[in-house]
Amino acid sequence: MPIILTCLDDYLTLVGQSHEYWTGNYAQAIEGDPIFYRLLTYHPLAYTGGELALALVFSGLILLMPQTLAMTISIAFALGHMYGASTWLLAHYHYGHELFCGLTLLTAFGM
């Protein structure tokens, strides 16, 4: 679930960027996290690389930590990205509330 939610959050973040952003004006980036906002202002590939690196680090921690700590990290990572994805759903989609409810159920059952 953490990786699925990371991919969803990243997808929604990139899809949610303005037309000006995609024409090369990277200063028009929209992102709530200051570190990933900075990466988006450099280039979409910088953002994607940063998210990939973060996902690999957290995946490694989840695999190497004792079970209870790994589960805690997994839940925190998944919920963080569920929150990130939900902000895009609620702000930019007509049926955002319904999509958010579905995402919450998917996350609950997946975890």
C-alpha atoms as a PDB file:
ATOM      1  CA  MET A   1       0.000   0.000   0.000  1.00  0.00           C
ATOM      2  CA  PRO A   2       2.729   2.562   0.703  1.00  0.00           C
ATOM      3  CA  ILE A   3       4.123   2.209  -2.824  1.00  0.00           C
ATOM      4  CA  ILE A   4       0.674   2.237  -4.463  1.00  0.00           C
ATOM      5  CA  LEU A   5      -0.284   5.387  -2.569  1.00  0.00           C
ATOM      6  CA  THR A   6       3.061   7.002  -3.370  1.00  0.00           C
ATOM      7  CA  CYS A   7       2.510   6.360  -7.075  1.00  0.00           C
ATOM      8  CA  LEU A   8      -1.047   7.714  -6.881  1.00  0.00           C
ATOM      9  CA  ASP A   9       0.065  10.834  -5.012  1.00  0.00           C
ATOM     10  CA  ASP A  10       2.897  11.434  -7.492  1.00  0.00           C
ATOM     11  CA  TYR A  11       0.594  10.884 -10.470  1.00  0.00           C
ATOM     12  CA  LEU A  12      -2.007  13.324  -9.131  1.00  0.00           C
ATOM     13  CA  THR A  13       0.712  15.855  -8.339  1.00  0.00           C
ATOM     14  CA  LEU A  14       2.092  15.760 -11.865  1.00  0.00           C
ATOM     15  CA  VAL A  15      -1.338  15.725 -13.529  1.00  0.00           C
ATOM     16  CA  GLY A  16      -2.406  18.642 -11.342  1.00  0.00           C
ATOM     17  CA  GLN A  17       0.312  20.954 -12.609  1.00  0.00           C
ATOM     18  CA  SER A  18      -0.833  23.866 -14.747  1.00  0.00           C
ATOM     19  CA  HIS A  19      -0.449  24.240 -18.490  1.00  0.00           C
ATOM     20  CA  GLU A  20       2.199  26.915 -17.873  1.00  0.00           C
ATOM     21  CA  TYR A  21       4.213  24.422 -15.839  1.00  0.00           C
ATOM     22  CA  TRP A  22       4.180  21.875 -18.655  1.00  0.00           C
ATOM     23  CA  THR A  23       5.252  24.487 -21.201  1.00  0.00           C
ATOM     24  CA  GLY A  24       8.484  24.922 -19.254  1.00  0.00           C
ATOM     25  CA  ASN A  25       7.657  27.579 -16.651  1.00  0.00           C
ATOM     26  CA  TYR A  26       8.597  25.378 -13.696  1.00  0.00           C
ATOM     27  CA  ALA A  27       8.212  28.291 -11.275  1.00  0.00           C
ATOM     28  CA  GLN A  28       4.448  27.674 -11.584  1.00  0.00           C
ATOM     29  CA  ALA A  29       4.744  24.394  -9.648  1.00  0.00           C
ATOM     30  CA  ILE A  30       1.971  23.494  -7.219  1.00  0.00           C
ATOM     31  CA  GLU A  31       3.008  21.317  -4.267  1.00  0.00           C
ATOM     32  CA  GLY A  32       2.430  21.485  -0.529  1.00  0.00           C
ATOM     33  CA  ASP A  33       5.672  19.819   0.596  1.00  0.00           C
ATOM     34  CA  PRO A  34       8.497  22.401   0.521  1.00  0.00           C
ATOM     35  CA  ILE A  35      11.217  19.924  -0.465  1.00  0.00           C
ATOM     36  CA  PHE A  36       9.243  18.391  -3.311  1.00  0.00           C
ATOM     37  CA  TYR A  37       7.990  21.831  -4.339  1.00  0.00           C
ATOM     38  CA  ARG A  38      11.623  22.816  -4.812  1.00  0.00           C
ATOM     39  CA  LEU A  39      12.258  19.687  -6.886  1.00  0.00           C
ATOM     40  CA  LEU A  40       9.207  20.455  -9.040  1.00  0.00           C
ATOM     41  CA  THR A  41      10.556  23.951  -9.696  1.00  0.00           C
ATOM     42  CA  TYR A  42      13.739  22.374 -11.098  1.00  0.00           C
ATOM     43  CA  HIS A  43      12.101  19.810 -13.372  1.00  0.00           C
ATOM     44  CA  PRO A  44       9.424  17.075 -13.235  1.00  0.00           C
ATOM     45  CA  LEU A  45      12.164  14.442 -13.454  1.00  0.00           C
ATOM     46  CA  ALA A  46      13.863  15.916 -10.378  1.00  0.00           C
ATOM     47  CA  TYR A  47      10.573  15.538  -8.520  1.00  0.00           C
ATOM     48  CA  THR A  48      10.111  11.977  -9.767  1.00  0.00           C
ATOM     49  CA  GLY A  49      13.680  11.075  -8.830  1.00  0.00           C
ATOM     50  CA  GLY A  50      13.244  12.532  -5.357  1.00  0.00           C
ATOM     51  CA  GLU A  51      10.034  10.594  -4.807  1.00  0.00           C
ATOM     52  CA  LEU A  52      11.672   7.412  -6.099  1.00  0.00           C
ATOM     53  CA  ALA A  53      14.617   7.877  -3.739  1.00  0.00           C
ATOM     54  CA  LEU A  54      12.275   8.469  -0.796  1.00  0.00           C
ATOM     55  CA  ALA A  55      10.210   5.395  -1.678  1.00  0.00           C
ATOM     56  CA  LEU A  56      13.361   3.255  -1.912  1.00  0.00           C
ATOM     57  CA  VAL A  57      14.627   4.494   1.462  1.00  0.00           C
ATOM     58  CA  PHE A  58      11.299   3.822   3.173  1.00  0.00           C
ATOM     59  CA  SER A  59      10.959   0.436   1.466  1.00  0.00           C
ATOM     60  CA  GLY A  60      14.411  -0.493   2.698  1.00  0.00           C
ATOM     61  CA  LEU A  61      13.561   0.618   6.226  1.00  0.00           C
ATOM     62  CA  ILE A  62      10.326  -1.384   6.139  1.00  0.00           C
ATOM     63  CA  LEU A  63      12.185  -4.498   4.994  1.00  0.00           C
ATOM     64  CA  LEU A  64      15.036  -4.160   7.493  1.00  0.00           C
ATOM     65  CA  MET A  65      13.257  -3.036  10.666  1.00  0.00           C
ATOM     66  CA  PRO A  66      11.656  -5.316  13.248  1.00  0.00           C
ATOM     67  CA  GLN A  67       8.049  -6.145  12.431  1.00  0.00           C
ATOM     68  CA  THR A  68       6.325  -3.668  14.770  1.00  0.00           C
ATOM     69  CA  LEU A  69       8.521  -0.746  13.724  1.00  0.00           C
ATOM     70  CA  ALA A  70       8.218  -1.736  10.055  1.00  0.00           C
ATOM     71  CA  MET A  71       4.425  -1.755  10.333  1.00  0.00           C
ATOM     72  CA  THR A  72       4.470   1.659  12.011  1.00  0.00           C
ATOM     73  CA  ILE A  73       6.679   3.111   9.273  1.00  0.00           C
ATOM     74  CA  SER A  74       4.534   1.497   6.585  1.00  0.00           C
ATOM     75  CA  ILE A  75       1.314   2.917   8.017  1.00  0.00           C
ATOM     76  CA  ALA A  76       2.817   6.395   8.461  1.00  0.00           C
ATOM     77  CA  PHE A  77       4.229   6.426   4.926  1.00  0.00           C
ATOM     78  CA  ALA A  78       0.951   5.157   3.441  1.00  0.00           C
ATOM     79  CA  LEU A  79      -1.195   7.640   5.372  1.00  0.00           C
ATOM     80  CA  GLY A  80       1.093  10.520   4.425  1.00  0.00           C
ATOM     81  CA  HIS A  81       0.710   9.768   0.746  1.00  0.00           C
ATOM     82  CA  MET A  82      -2.993   9.064   1.147  1.00  0.00           C
ATOM     83  CA  TYR A  83      -3.301  12.566   2.592  1.00  0.00           C
ATOM     84  CA  GLY A  84      -1.280  14.017  -0.288  1.00  0.00           C
ATOM     85  CA  ALA A  85      -3.419  12.244  -2.875  1.00  0.00           C
ATOM     86  CA  SER A  86      -6.624  13.245  -1.093  1.00  0.00           C
ATOM     87  CA  THR A  87      -5.725  16.949  -1.232  1.00  0.00           C
ATOM     88  CA  TRP A  88      -5.539  16.694  -5.025  1.00  0.00           C
ATOM     89  CA  LEU A  89      -8.769  14.710  -5.217  1.00  0.00           C
ATOM     90  CA  LEU A  90     -10.720  17.105  -3.006  1.00  0.00           C
ATOM     91  CA  ALA A  91      -9.415  20.273  -4.639  1.00  0.00           C
ATOM     92  CA  HIS A  92      -9.394  19.400  -8.329  1.00  0.00           C
ATOM     93  CA  TYR A  93     -11.987  16.736  -9.106  1.00  0.00           C
ATOM     94  CA  HIS A  94     -15.755  17.114  -9.378  1.00  0.00           C
ATOM     95  CA  TYR A  95     -16.406  13.924  -7.403  1.00  0.00           C
ATOM     96  CA  GLY A  96     -13.412  14.465  -5.165  1.00  0.00           C
ATOM     97  CA  HIS A  97     -15.254  13.669  -1.948  1.00  0.00           C
ATOM     98  CA  GLU A  98     -16.458  10.334  -3.272  1.00  0.00           C
ATOM     99  CA  LEU A  99     -12.995   9.550  -4.638  1.00  0.00           C
ATOM    100  CA  PHE A 100     -11.519  10.438  -1.241  1.00  0.00           C
ATOM    101  CA  CYS A 101     -13.934   8.078   0.515  1.00  0.00           C
ATOM    102  CA  GLY A 102     -13.016   5.304  -1.910  1.00  0.00           C
ATOM    103  CA  LEU A 103      -9.311   5.971  -1.407  1.00  0.00           C
ATOM    104  CA  THR A 104      -9.788   5.819   2.362  1.00  0.00           C
ATOM    105  CA  LEU A 105     -11.577   2.463   2.099  1.00  0.00           C
ATOM    106  CA  LEU A 106      -8.940   1.118  -0.287  1.00  0.00           C
ATOM    107  CA  THR A 107      -6.187   2.173   2.105  1.00  0.00           C
ATOM    108  CA  ALA A 108      -7.947   0.693   5.136  1.00  0.00           C
ATOM    109  CA  PHE A 109      -8.534  -2.660   3.436  1.00  0.00           C
ATOM    110  CA  GLY A 110      -5.077  -2.672   1.867  1.00  0.00           C
ATOM    111  CA  MET A 111      -3.296  -2.064   5.146  1.00  0.00           C
END
